[in-house]
Amino acid sequence: MNRRDALHALLVTLVAAPATLAAPAYAQKRVWRIVSLTGNAEKTVAEPLEGFRKEMKALRY
């Protein structure tokens, strides 16, 4: 490979690289997660937690 061929290959690579790197990426839908940490037993927070789950389901979460 002579100098001219090497320079040509380098230029072709530099011209083609932005086209491949700038390809549009598909944005993923953001998934929100809700966590509840309590120091209480599950039985003591069951009623409020059930109400929370019911309202979140009503909001289609």
PDB file of N, CA and C in Angstrom:
ATOM      1  N   MET A   1       0.855  -1.166   0.000  1.00  0.00           N
ATOM      2  CA  MET A   1       0.000   0.000   0.000  1.00  0.00           C
ATOM      3  C   MET A   1       0.903   1.232   0.000  1.00  0.00           C
ATOM      4  N   ASN A   2       0.691   2.079  -0.972  1.00  0.00           N
ATOM      5  CA  ASN A   2       1.498   3.292  -1.020  1.00  0.00           C
ATOM      6  C   ASN A   2       0.826   4.404  -0.219  1.00  0.00           C
ATOM      7  N   ARG A   3       1.505   5.517  -0.144  1.00  0.00           N
ATOM      8  CA  ARG A   3       1.027   6.644   0.660  1.00  0.00           C
ATOM      9  C   ARG A   3      -0.310   7.170   0.154  1.00  0.00           C
ATOM     10  N   ARG A   4      -0.489   7.217  -1.143  1.00  0.00           N
ATOM     11  CA  ARG A   4      -1.730   7.729  -1.716  1.00  0.00           C
ATOM     12  C   ARG A   4      -2.910   6.831  -1.340  1.00  0.00           C
ATOM     13  N   ASP A   5      -2.729   5.515  -1.405  1.00  0.00           N
ATOM     14  CA  ASP A   5      -3.803   4.590  -1.031  1.00  0.00           C
ATOM     15  C   ASP A   5      -4.142   4.705   0.458  1.00  0.00           C
ATOM     16  N   ALA A   6      -3.129   4.850   1.288  1.00  0.00           N
ATOM     17  CA  ALA A   6      -3.353   4.981   2.728  1.00  0.00           C
ATOM     18  C   ALA A   6      -4.114   6.266   3.030  1.00  0.00           C
ATOM     19  N   LEU A   7      -3.735   7.365   2.376  1.00  0.00           N
ATOM     20  CA  LEU A   7      -4.417   8.637   2.576  1.00  0.00           C
ATOM     21  C   LEU A   7      -5.861   8.560   2.085  1.00  0.00           C
ATOM     22  N   HIS A   8      -6.063   7.913   0.958  1.00  0.00           N
ATOM     23  CA  HIS A   8      -7.406   7.745   0.425  1.00  0.00           C
ATOM     24  C   HIS A   8      -8.271   6.928   1.396  1.00  0.00           C
ATOM     25  N   ALA A   9      -7.748   5.843   1.925  1.00  0.00           N
ATOM     26  CA  ALA A   9      -8.493   5.007   2.870  1.00  0.00           C
ATOM     27  C   ALA A   9      -8.824   5.790   4.137  1.00  0.00           C
ATOM     28  N   LEU A  10      -7.878   6.607   4.603  1.00  0.00           N
ATOM     29  CA  LEU A  10      -8.112   7.419   5.795  1.00  0.00           C
ATOM     30  C   LEU A  10      -9.213   8.448   5.542  1.00  0.00           C
ATOM     31  N   LEU A  11      -9.185   9.111   4.419  1.00  0.00           N
ATOM     32  CA  LEU A  11     -10.194  10.117   4.097  1.00  0.00           C
ATOM     33  C   LEU A  11     -11.577   9.487   3.939  1.00  0.00           C
ATOM     34  N   VAL A  12     -11.642   8.343   3.289  1.00  0.00           N
ATOM     35  CA  VAL A  12     -12.928   7.664   3.127  1.00  0.00           C
ATOM     36  C   VAL A  12     -13.481   7.277   4.496  1.00  0.00           C
ATOM     37  N   THR A  13     -12.615   6.807   5.378  1.00  0.00           N
ATOM     38  CA  THR A  13     -13.049   6.434   6.725  1.00  0.00           C
ATOM     39  C   THR A  13     -13.547   7.647   7.490  1.00  0.00           C
ATOM     40  N   LEU A  14     -12.854   8.761   7.399  1.00  0.00           N
ATOM     41  CA  LEU A  14     -13.258   9.968   8.120  1.00  0.00           C
ATOM     42  C   LEU A  14     -14.562  10.543   7.578  1.00  0.00           C
ATOM     43  N   VAL A  15     -14.786  10.419   6.281  1.00  0.00           N
ATOM     44  CA  VAL A  15     -16.018  10.923   5.686  1.00  0.00           C
ATOM     45  C   VAL A  15     -17.190  10.008   6.030  1.00  0.00           C
ATOM     46  N   ALA A  16     -16.961   8.710   6.063  1.00  0.00           N
ATOM     47  CA  ALA A  16     -18.041   7.757   6.322  1.00  0.00           C
ATOM     48  C   ALA A  16     -18.371   7.646   7.804  1.00  0.00           C
ATOM     49  N   ALA A  17     -17.419   7.913   8.691  1.00  0.00           N
ATOM     50  CA  ALA A  17     -17.632   7.725  10.130  1.00  0.00           C
ATOM     51  C   ALA A  17     -18.758   8.596  10.692  1.00  0.00           C
ATOM     52  N   PRO A  18     -18.835   9.886  10.382  1.00  0.00           N
ATOM     53  CA  PRO A  18     -19.938  10.668  10.950  1.00  0.00           C
ATOM     54  C   PRO A  18     -21.315  10.169  10.519  1.00  0.00           C
ATOM     55  N   ALA A  19     -21.412   9.641   9.336  1.00  0.00           N
ATOM     56  CA  ALA A  19     -22.699   9.137   8.865  1.00  0.00           C
ATOM     57  C   ALA A  19     -23.145   7.927   9.685  1.00  0.00           C
ATOM     58  N   THR A  20     -22.208   7.091  10.069  1.00  0.00           N
ATOM     59  CA  THR A  20     -22.583   5.910  10.849  1.00  0.00           C
ATOM     60  C   THR A  20     -22.753   6.252  12.321  1.00  0.00           C
ATOM     61  N   LEU A  21     -21.996   7.204  12.835  1.00  0.00           N
ATOM     62  CA  LEU A  21     -22.101   7.571  14.235  1.00  0.00           C
ATOM     63  C   LEU A  21     -23.321   8.439  14.515  1.00  0.00           C
ATOM     64  N   ALA A  22     -23.777   9.160  13.522  1.00  0.00           N
ATOM     65  CA  ALA A  22     -24.898  10.070  13.721  1.00  0.00           C
ATOM     66  C   ALA A  22     -26.248   9.408  13.442  1.00  0.00           C
ATOM     67  N   ALA A  23     -26.244   8.093  13.287  1.00  0.00           N
ATOM     68  CA  ALA A  23     -27.506   7.399  13.052  1.00  0.00           C
ATOM     69  C   ALA A  23     -28.424   7.636  14.248  1.00  0.00           C
ATOM     70  N   PRO A  24     -29.685   7.912  13.987  1.00  0.00           N
ATOM     71  CA  PRO A  24     -30.594   8.219  15.098  1.00  0.00           C
ATOM     72  C   PRO A  24     -30.799   7.018  16.012  1.00  0.00           C
ATOM     73  N   ALA A  25     -30.707   7.263  17.271  1.00  0.00           N
ATOM     74  CA  ALA A  25     -30.952   6.206  18.257  1.00  0.00           C
ATOM     75  C   ALA A  25     -32.415   6.278  18.682  1.00  0.00           C
ATOM     76  N   TYR A  26     -32.978   5.139  18.913  1.00  0.00           N
ATOM     77  CA  TYR A  26     -34.365   5.102  19.340  1.00  0.00           C
ATOM     78  C   TYR A  26     -34.416   5.266  20.852  1.00  0.00           C
ATOM     79  N   ALA A  27     -35.047   6.310  21.293  1.00  0.00           N
ATOM     80  CA  ALA A  27     -35.144   6.576  22.718  1.00  0.00           C
ATOM     81  C   ALA A  27     -36.097   5.574  23.364  1.00  0.00           C
ATOM     82  N   GLN A  28     -35.673   5.054  24.483  1.00  0.00           N
ATOM     83  CA  GLN A  28     -36.528   4.122  25.203  1.00  0.00           C
ATOM     84  C   GLN A  28     -37.436   4.889  26.135  1.00  0.00           C
ATOM     85  N   LYS A  29     -38.622   4.373  26.297  1.00  0.00           N
ATOM     86  CA  LYS A  29     -39.560   4.995  27.204  1.00  0.00           C
ATOM     87  C   LYS A  29     -39.030   4.837  28.624  1.00  0.00           C
ATOM     88  N   ARG A  30     -39.040   5.914  29.360  1.00  0.00           N
ATOM     89  CA  ARG A  30     -38.523   5.883  30.728  1.00  0.00           C
ATOM     90  C   ARG A  30     -39.498   5.134  31.629  1.00  0.00           C
ATOM     91  N   VAL A  31     -38.977   4.224  32.415  1.00  0.00           N
ATOM     92  CA  VAL A  31     -39.781   3.442  33.335  1.00  0.00           C
ATOM     93  C   VAL A  31     -39.476   3.927  34.744  1.00  0.00           C
ATOM     94  N   TRP A  32     -40.497   4.454  35.392  1.00  0.00           N
ATOM     95  CA  TRP A  32     -40.333   4.936  36.759  1.00  0.00           C
ATOM     96  C   TRP A  32     -40.657   3.802  37.722  1.00  0.00           C
ATOM     97  N   ARG A  33     -39.866   3.703  38.770  1.00  0.00           N
ATOM     98  CA  ARG A  33     -40.092   2.686  39.788  1.00  0.00           C
ATOM     99  C   ARG A  33     -40.282   3.366  41.124  1.00  0.00           C
ATOM    100  N   ILE A  34     -41.209   2.842  41.890  1.00  0.00           N
ATOM    101  CA  ILE A  34     -41.491   3.396  43.209  1.00  0.00           C
ATOM    102  C   ILE A  34     -41.178   2.318  44.236  1.00  0.00           C
ATOM    103  N   VAL A  35     -40.425   2.707  45.245  1.00  0.00           N
ATOM    104  CA  VAL A  35     -40.026   1.777  46.287  1.00  0.00           C
ATOM    105  C   VAL A  35     -40.473   2.333  47.625  1.00  0.00           C
ATOM    106  N   SER A  36     -40.965   1.455  48.463  1.00  0.00           N
ATOM    107  CA  SER A  36     -41.385   1.849  49.801  1.00  0.00           C
ATOM    108  C   SER A  36     -40.606   1.021  50.815  1.00  0.00           C
ATOM    109  N   LEU A  37     -39.826   1.698  51.636  1.00  0.00           N
ATOM    110  CA  LEU A  37     -39.068   1.013  52.681  1.00  0.00           C
ATOM    111  C   LEU A  37     -39.639   1.421  54.027  1.00  0.00           C
ATOM    112  N   THR A  38     -40.063   0.449  54.790  1.00  0.00           N
ATOM    113  CA  THR A  38     -40.589   0.734  56.122  1.00  0.00           C
ATOM    114  C   THR A  38     -39.915  -0.194  57.128  1.00  0.00           C
ATOM    115  N   GLY A  39     -39.956   0.203  58.357  1.00  0.00           N
ATOM    116  CA  GLY A  39     -39.426  -0.636  59.413  1.00  0.00           C
ATOM    117  C   GLY A  39     -40.521  -1.463  60.064  1.00  0.00           C
ATOM    118  N   ASN A  40     -41.711  -1.369  59.538  1.00  0.00           N
ATOM    119  CA  ASN A  40     -42.860  -2.066  60.112  1.00  0.00           C
ATOM    120  C   ASN A  40     -43.104  -3.384  59.390  1.00  0.00           C
ATOM    121  N   ALA A  41     -43.847  -4.249  60.052  1.00  0.00           N
ATOM    122  CA  ALA A  41     -44.239  -5.507  59.426  1.00  0.00           C
ATOM    123  C   ALA A  41     -45.238  -5.226  58.309  1.00  0.00           C
ATOM    124  N   GLU A  42     -45.287  -6.118  57.339  1.00  0.00           N
ATOM    125  CA  GLU A  42     -46.174  -5.916  56.184  1.00  0.00           C
ATOM    126  C   GLU A  42     -47.642  -5.848  56.601  1.00  0.00           C
ATOM    127  N   LYS A  43     -48.016  -6.552  57.631  1.00  0.00           N
ATOM    128  CA  LYS A  43     -49.415  -6.554  58.075  1.00  0.00           C
ATOM    129  C   LYS A  43     -49.843  -5.177  58.572  1.00  0.00           C
ATOM    130  N   THR A  44     -48.935  -4.419  59.157  1.00  0.00           N
ATOM    131  CA  THR A  44     -49.302  -3.106  59.699  1.00  0.00           C
ATOM    132  C   THR A  44     -49.459  -2.057  58.610  1.00  0.00           C
ATOM    133  N   VAL A  45     -48.823  -2.249  57.476  1.00  0.00           N
ATOM    134  CA  VAL A  45     -48.931  -1.261  56.395  1.00  0.00           C
ATOM    135  C   VAL A  45     -49.745  -1.796  55.218  1.00  0.00           C
ATOM    136  N   ALA A  46     -50.393  -2.931  55.408  1.00  0.00           N
ATOM    137  CA  ALA A  46     -51.119  -3.574  54.305  1.00  0.00           C
ATOM    138  C   ALA A  46     -52.266  -2.716  53.794  1.00  0.00           C
ATOM    139  N   GLU A  47     -53.045  -2.129  54.690  1.00  0.00           N
ATOM    140  CA  GLU A  47     -54.202  -1.344  54.269  1.00  0.00           C
ATOM    141  C   GLU A  47     -53.791  -0.075  53.510  1.00  0.00           C
ATOM    142  N   PRO A  48     -52.875   0.742  54.050  1.00  0.00           N
ATOM    143  CA  PRO A  48     -52.453   1.919  53.271  1.00  0.00           C
ATOM    144  C   PRO A  48     -51.764   1.542  51.963  1.00  0.00           C
ATOM    145  N   LEU A  49     -51.013   0.450  51.992  1.00  0.00           N
ATOM    146  CA  LEU A  49     -50.320   0.010  50.783  1.00  0.00           C
ATOM    147  C   LEU A  49     -51.311  -0.457  49.723  1.00  0.00           C
ATOM    148  N   GLU A  50     -52.359  -1.117  50.132  1.00  0.00           N
ATOM    149  CA  GLU A  50     -53.385  -1.565  49.188  1.00  0.00           C
ATOM    150  C   GLU A  50     -54.090  -0.360  48.557  1.00  0.00           C
ATOM    151  N   GLY A  51     -54.362   0.671  49.355  1.00  0.00           N
ATOM    152  CA  GLY A  51     -54.950   1.893  48.805  1.00  0.00           C
ATOM    153  C   GLY A  51     -54.028   2.570  47.810  1.00  0.00           C
ATOM    154  N   PHE A  52     -52.748   2.571  48.120  1.00  0.00           N
ATOM    155  CA  PHE A  52     -51.756   3.149  47.208  1.00  0.00           C
ATOM    156  C   PHE A  52     -51.730   2.372  45.895  1.00  0.00           C
ATOM    157  N   ARG A  53     -51.705   1.066  45.983  1.00  0.00           N
ATOM    158  CA  ARG A  53     -51.684   0.236  44.770  1.00  0.00           C
ATOM    159  C   ARG A  53     -52.946   0.444  43.930  1.00  0.00           C
ATOM    160  N   LYS A  54     -54.084   0.564  44.596  1.00  0.00           N
ATOM    161  CA  LYS A  54     -55.347   0.785  43.894  1.00  0.00           C
ATOM    162  C   LYS A  54     -55.326   2.113  43.131  1.00  0.00           C
ATOM    163  N   GLU A  55     -54.844   3.161  43.776  1.00  0.00           N
ATOM    164  CA  GLU A  55     -54.776   4.471  43.115  1.00  0.00           C
ATOM    165  C   GLU A  55     -53.759   4.478  41.975  1.00  0.00           C
ATOM    166  N   MET A  56     -52.645   3.782  42.157  1.00  0.00           N
ATOM    167  CA  MET A  56     -51.655   3.707  41.074  1.00  0.00           C
ATOM    168  C   MET A  56     -52.223   2.934  39.883  1.00  0.00           C
ATOM    169  N   LYS A  57     -53.002   1.906  40.153  1.00  0.00           N
ATOM    170  CA  LYS A  57     -53.639   1.152  39.064  1.00  0.00           C
ATOM    171  C   LYS A  57     -54.643   2.026  38.336  1.00  0.00           C
ATOM    172  N   ALA A  58     -55.349   2.880  39.075  1.00  0.00           N
ATOM    173  CA  ALA A  58     -56.308   3.799  38.458  1.00  0.00           C
ATOM    174  C   ALA A  58     -55.587   4.794  37.536  1.00  0.00           C
ATOM    175  N   LEU A  59     -54.336   5.107  37.874  1.00  0.00           N
ATOM    176  CA  LEU A  59     -53.533   6.008  37.040  1.00  0.00           C
ATOM    177  C   LEU A  59     -52.795   5.265  35.932  1.00  0.00           C
ATOM    178  N   ARG A  60     -53.099   3.960  35.784  1.00  0.00           N
ATOM    179  CA  ARG A  60     -52.496   3.099  34.770  1.00  0.00           C
ATOM    180  C   ARG A  60     -50.997   2.929  34.957  1.00  0.00           C
ATOM    181  N   TYR A  61     -50.578   2.848  36.184  1.00  0.00           N
ATOM    182  CA  TYR A  61     -49.174   2.581  36.446  1.00  0.00           C
ATOM    183  C   TYR A  61     -48.995   1.129  36.736  1.00  0.00           C
TER     184      TYR A  61
END
